[in-house]
Amino acid sequence: MELLAHDFFTEQPVKGAAVYFLRYILHDWPDDARVGILSRLRDAMGADSRILVADAIIHPPLGSKHLRSAPAPLPANYGLANAYSGMLDMAMLALFNGCERTPEQLDTVADRAGLRIEKIWECRGPIGITEFRPL
């Protein structure tokens, strides 16, 4: 592992890395900038590379094909247990014109960048790790 300072709107200097890891990066930006960041990484990826993104994930009240749903009679997103993600979403919008995303919204951004969601690891709390692979 090597930590590097890098302007993610410029060409990625490390080509073909096994993993490109972004923590609390994408939620600060609107969609077009997110697509730009992911596209730069996509251009540098090798056939077996992956991008791991650690960011808050909004679990929709009606559920998502990428996330486990709560047992009935709870809402699919466990209801009030996910309130912090909603508050963080509003803060990102007010401060940076960014936002937290549902898995389906991440799908849309990934597709525009030539990527697909391979898996989402749900963690305790609002943070999840989304694995992106090239299309």
Foldseek 3Di string as FASTA:
>chain_A
DDDDDDDLLDADPAAADQEAEAEPDQQLAPLVVNLSSLLSVVVRHDQNHKYKYKDFADADQQGDPQDAADDPPAGGRNPPQQVVQVVVQVVSCVPRVGGHYHQVVVQVSQVSSQWGWPHWADDPDRIIMTMIHGD
